[in-house]
Amino acid sequence: MAKSSKTELIDKYQAIVDTNKSKIKKTKKAIPYTISGFILVFIAFINYSSHANNNFWGDTTYALKALGIAIITSAIIYILIVIYFVRKFTAENKILNKKLYKLMSLD
């Protein structure tokens, strides 16, 4: 393999690994803000439609139970999606790091 193509591959792989690391870091930082957003949206939904909810649910305890279940369900689904993408990027990084190790090894 030519020297320049080898260095180009190394640079390409390192750039991909760096972008994957930054995506993982950014995704992990966004988790608390997104879950807080879920909670605020559901609370706002309950507050602004309280009259309709009183007619439908009959009591606020049922509405709060439904709100709690909706928040927990959406948070669990979101966390599962985040875990999937983080594992996907981590697996890709492992493969690329192995390729980088083989490329950078002394011939």
C-alpha atoms as a PDB file:
ATOM      1  CA  MET A   1       0.000   0.000   0.000  1.00  0.00           C
ATOM      2  CA  ALA A   2       1.339   3.410  -0.909  1.00  0.00           C
ATOM      3  CA  LYS A   3       2.390   5.722   1.882  1.00  0.00           C
ATOM      4  CA  SER A   4       0.014   8.549   0.919  1.00  0.00           C
ATOM      5  CA  SER A   5      -3.058   6.314   0.601  1.00  0.00           C
ATOM      6  CA  LYS A   6      -2.227   4.771   3.985  1.00  0.00           C
ATOM      7  CA  THR A   7      -2.069   8.182   5.662  1.00  0.00           C
ATOM      8  CA  GLU A   8      -5.260   9.253   3.903  1.00  0.00           C
ATOM      9  CA  LEU A   9      -7.058   6.189   5.265  1.00  0.00           C
ATOM     10  CA  ILE A  10      -5.695   6.859   8.744  1.00  0.00           C
ATOM     11  CA  ASP A  11      -6.877  10.473   8.596  1.00  0.00           C
ATOM     12  CA  LYS A  12     -10.285   9.398   7.262  1.00  0.00           C
ATOM     13  CA  TYR A  13     -10.773   6.773   9.990  1.00  0.00           C
ATOM     14  CA  GLN A  14      -9.638   9.151  12.731  1.00  0.00           C
ATOM     15  CA  ALA A  15     -12.065  11.807  11.508  1.00  0.00           C
ATOM     16  CA  ILE A  16     -14.939   9.316  11.582  1.00  0.00           C
ATOM     17  CA  VAL A  17     -13.979   8.140  15.085  1.00  0.00           C
ATOM     18  CA  ASP A  18     -13.803  11.752  16.303  1.00  0.00           C
ATOM     19  CA  THR A  19     -17.218  12.626  14.870  1.00  0.00           C
ATOM     20  CA  ASN A  20     -18.739   9.498  16.414  1.00  0.00           C
ATOM     21  CA  LYS A  21     -17.247  10.393  19.798  1.00  0.00           C
ATOM     22  CA  SER A  22     -18.670  13.914  19.567  1.00  0.00           C
ATOM     23  CA  LYS A  23     -22.105  12.530  18.576  1.00  0.00           C
ATOM     24  CA  ILE A  24     -22.066  10.191  21.582  1.00  0.00           C
ATOM     25  CA  LYS A  25     -21.037  13.006  23.917  1.00  0.00           C
ATOM     26  CA  LYS A  26     -23.676  15.385  22.548  1.00  0.00           C
ATOM     27  CA  THR A  27     -26.397  12.741  22.771  1.00  0.00           C
ATOM     28  CA  LYS A  28     -25.559  11.876  26.373  1.00  0.00           C
ATOM     29  CA  LYS A  29     -25.601  15.570  27.346  1.00  0.00           C
ATOM     30  CA  ALA A  30     -29.035  16.043  25.753  1.00  0.00           C
ATOM     31  CA  ILE A  31     -30.767  13.268  27.721  1.00  0.00           C
ATOM     32  CA  PRO A  32     -31.738  15.306  30.834  1.00  0.00           C
ATOM     33  CA  TYR A  33     -32.943  18.256  28.756  1.00  0.00           C
ATOM     34  CA  THR A  34     -35.073  16.066  26.512  1.00  0.00           C
ATOM     35  CA  ILE A  35     -36.674  14.207  29.410  1.00  0.00           C
ATOM     36  CA  SER A  36     -37.355  17.555  31.122  1.00  0.00           C
ATOM     37  CA  GLY A  37     -38.975  18.702  27.884  1.00  0.00           C
ATOM     38  CA  PHE A  38     -41.200  15.617  27.867  1.00  0.00           C
ATOM     39  CA  ILE A  39     -42.287  16.352  31.419  1.00  0.00           C
ATOM     40  CA  LEU A  40     -43.003  20.031  30.701  1.00  0.00           C
ATOM     41  CA  VAL A  41     -44.996  19.235  27.563  1.00  0.00           C
ATOM     42  CA  PHE A  42     -47.157  16.709  29.373  1.00  0.00           C
ATOM     43  CA  ILE A  43     -47.728  19.049  32.326  1.00  0.00           C
ATOM     44  CA  ALA A  44     -48.652  21.893  29.963  1.00  0.00           C
ATOM     45  CA  PHE A  45     -50.993  19.576  28.101  1.00  0.00           C
ATOM     46  CA  ILE A  46     -52.767  18.634  31.328  1.00  0.00           C
ATOM     47  CA  ASN A  47     -52.946  22.259  32.521  1.00  0.00           C
ATOM     48  CA  TYR A  48     -54.366  23.693  29.299  1.00  0.00           C
ATOM     49  CA  SER A  49     -56.877  20.949  28.817  1.00  0.00           C
ATOM     50  CA  SER A  50     -57.950  20.567  32.434  1.00  0.00           C
ATOM     51  CA  HIS A  51     -61.597  21.291  31.718  1.00  0.00           C
ATOM     52  CA  ALA A  52     -61.776  18.622  29.026  1.00  0.00           C
ATOM     53  CA  ASN A  53     -59.863  16.226  31.260  1.00  0.00           C
ATOM     54  CA  ASN A  54     -62.268  16.754  34.158  1.00  0.00           C
ATOM     55  CA  ASN A  55     -65.157  15.835  31.884  1.00  0.00           C
ATOM     56  CA  PHE A  56     -63.310  12.842  30.476  1.00  0.00           C
ATOM     57  CA  TRP A  57     -61.501  11.518  33.565  1.00  0.00           C
ATOM     58  CA  GLY A  58     -63.949  12.690  36.188  1.00  0.00           C
ATOM     59  CA  ASP A  59     -61.196  13.160  38.774  1.00  0.00           C
ATOM     60  CA  THR A  60     -57.735  14.658  38.704  1.00  0.00           C
ATOM     61  CA  THR A  61     -56.073  11.598  40.265  1.00  0.00           C
ATOM     62  CA  TYR A  62     -56.791   9.569  37.150  1.00  0.00           C
ATOM     63  CA  ALA A  63     -55.423  12.362  35.002  1.00  0.00           C
ATOM     64  CA  LEU A  64     -52.249  12.460  37.100  1.00  0.00           C
ATOM     65  CA  LYS A  65     -51.873   8.686  36.827  1.00  0.00           C
ATOM     66  CA  ALA A  66     -52.279   8.904  33.060  1.00  0.00           C
ATOM     67  CA  LEU A  67     -49.756  11.754  32.975  1.00  0.00           C
ATOM     68  CA  GLY A  68     -47.264   9.730  34.999  1.00  0.00           C
ATOM     69  CA  ILE A  69     -47.655   6.676  32.791  1.00  0.00           C
ATOM     70  CA  ALA A  70     -47.255   8.764  29.633  1.00  0.00           C
ATOM     71  CA  ILE A  71     -44.109  10.476  30.959  1.00  0.00           C
ATOM     72  CA  ILE A  72     -42.526   7.227  32.102  1.00  0.00           C
ATOM     73  CA  THR A  73     -43.367   5.421  28.861  1.00  0.00           C
ATOM     74  CA  SER A  74     -42.013   8.190  26.632  1.00  0.00           C
ATOM     75  CA  ALA A  75     -38.864   8.537  28.762  1.00  0.00           C
ATOM     76  CA  ILE A  76     -38.192   4.795  28.598  1.00  0.00           C
ATOM     77  CA  ILE A  77     -38.681   4.742  24.827  1.00  0.00           C
ATOM     78  CA  TYR A  78     -36.373   7.737  24.429  1.00  0.00           C
ATOM     79  CA  ILE A  79     -33.682   6.194  26.633  1.00  0.00           C
ATOM     80  CA  LEU A  80     -33.861   2.915  24.691  1.00  0.00           C
ATOM     81  CA  ILE A  81     -33.410   4.797  21.417  1.00  0.00           C
ATOM     82  CA  VAL A  82     -30.434   6.695  22.843  1.00  0.00           C
ATOM     83  CA  ILE A  83     -28.858   3.469  24.133  1.00  0.00           C
ATOM     84  CA  TYR A  84     -29.261   1.892  20.683  1.00  0.00           C
ATOM     85  CA  PHE A  85     -27.549   4.768  18.905  1.00  0.00           C
ATOM     86  CA  VAL A  86     -24.736   5.018  21.459  1.00  0.00           C
ATOM     87  CA  ARG A  87     -24.036   1.294  21.133  1.00  0.00           C
ATOM     88  CA  LYS A  88     -24.121   1.586  17.347  1.00  0.00           C
ATOM     89  CA  PHE A  89     -21.569   4.402  17.340  1.00  0.00           C
ATOM     90  CA  THR A  90     -19.410   2.632  19.930  1.00  0.00           C
ATOM     91  CA  ALA A  91     -19.352  -0.571  17.868  1.00  0.00           C
ATOM     92  CA  GLU A  92     -18.430   1.408  14.761  1.00  0.00           C
ATOM     93  CA  ASN A  93     -15.634   3.119  16.699  1.00  0.00           C
ATOM     94  CA  LYS A  94     -14.278  -0.242  17.863  1.00  0.00           C
ATOM     95  CA  ILE A  95     -14.152  -1.551  14.299  1.00  0.00           C
ATOM     96  CA  LEU A  96     -12.468   1.609  13.044  1.00  0.00           C
ATOM     97  CA  ASN A  97      -9.965   1.568  15.911  1.00  0.00           C
ATOM     98  CA  LYS A  98      -8.987  -1.994  14.993  1.00  0.00           C
ATOM     99  CA  LYS A  99      -8.504  -0.935  11.380  1.00  0.00           C
ATOM    100  CA  LEU A 100      -6.450   2.044  12.545  1.00  0.00           C
ATOM    101  CA  TYR A 101      -4.285  -0.220  14.681  1.00  0.00           C
ATOM    102  CA  LYS A 102      -3.598  -2.508  11.734  1.00  0.00           C
ATOM    103  CA  LEU A 103      -2.812   0.447   9.464  1.00  0.00           C
ATOM    104  CA  MET A 104      -0.551   2.147  11.956  1.00  0.00           C
ATOM    105  CA  SER A 105       1.380  -0.965  12.895  1.00  0.00           C
ATOM    106  CA  LEU A 106       4.952  -1.096  11.700  1.00  0.00           C
ATOM    107  CA  ASP A 107       5.484  -3.057   8.515  1.00  0.00           C
END
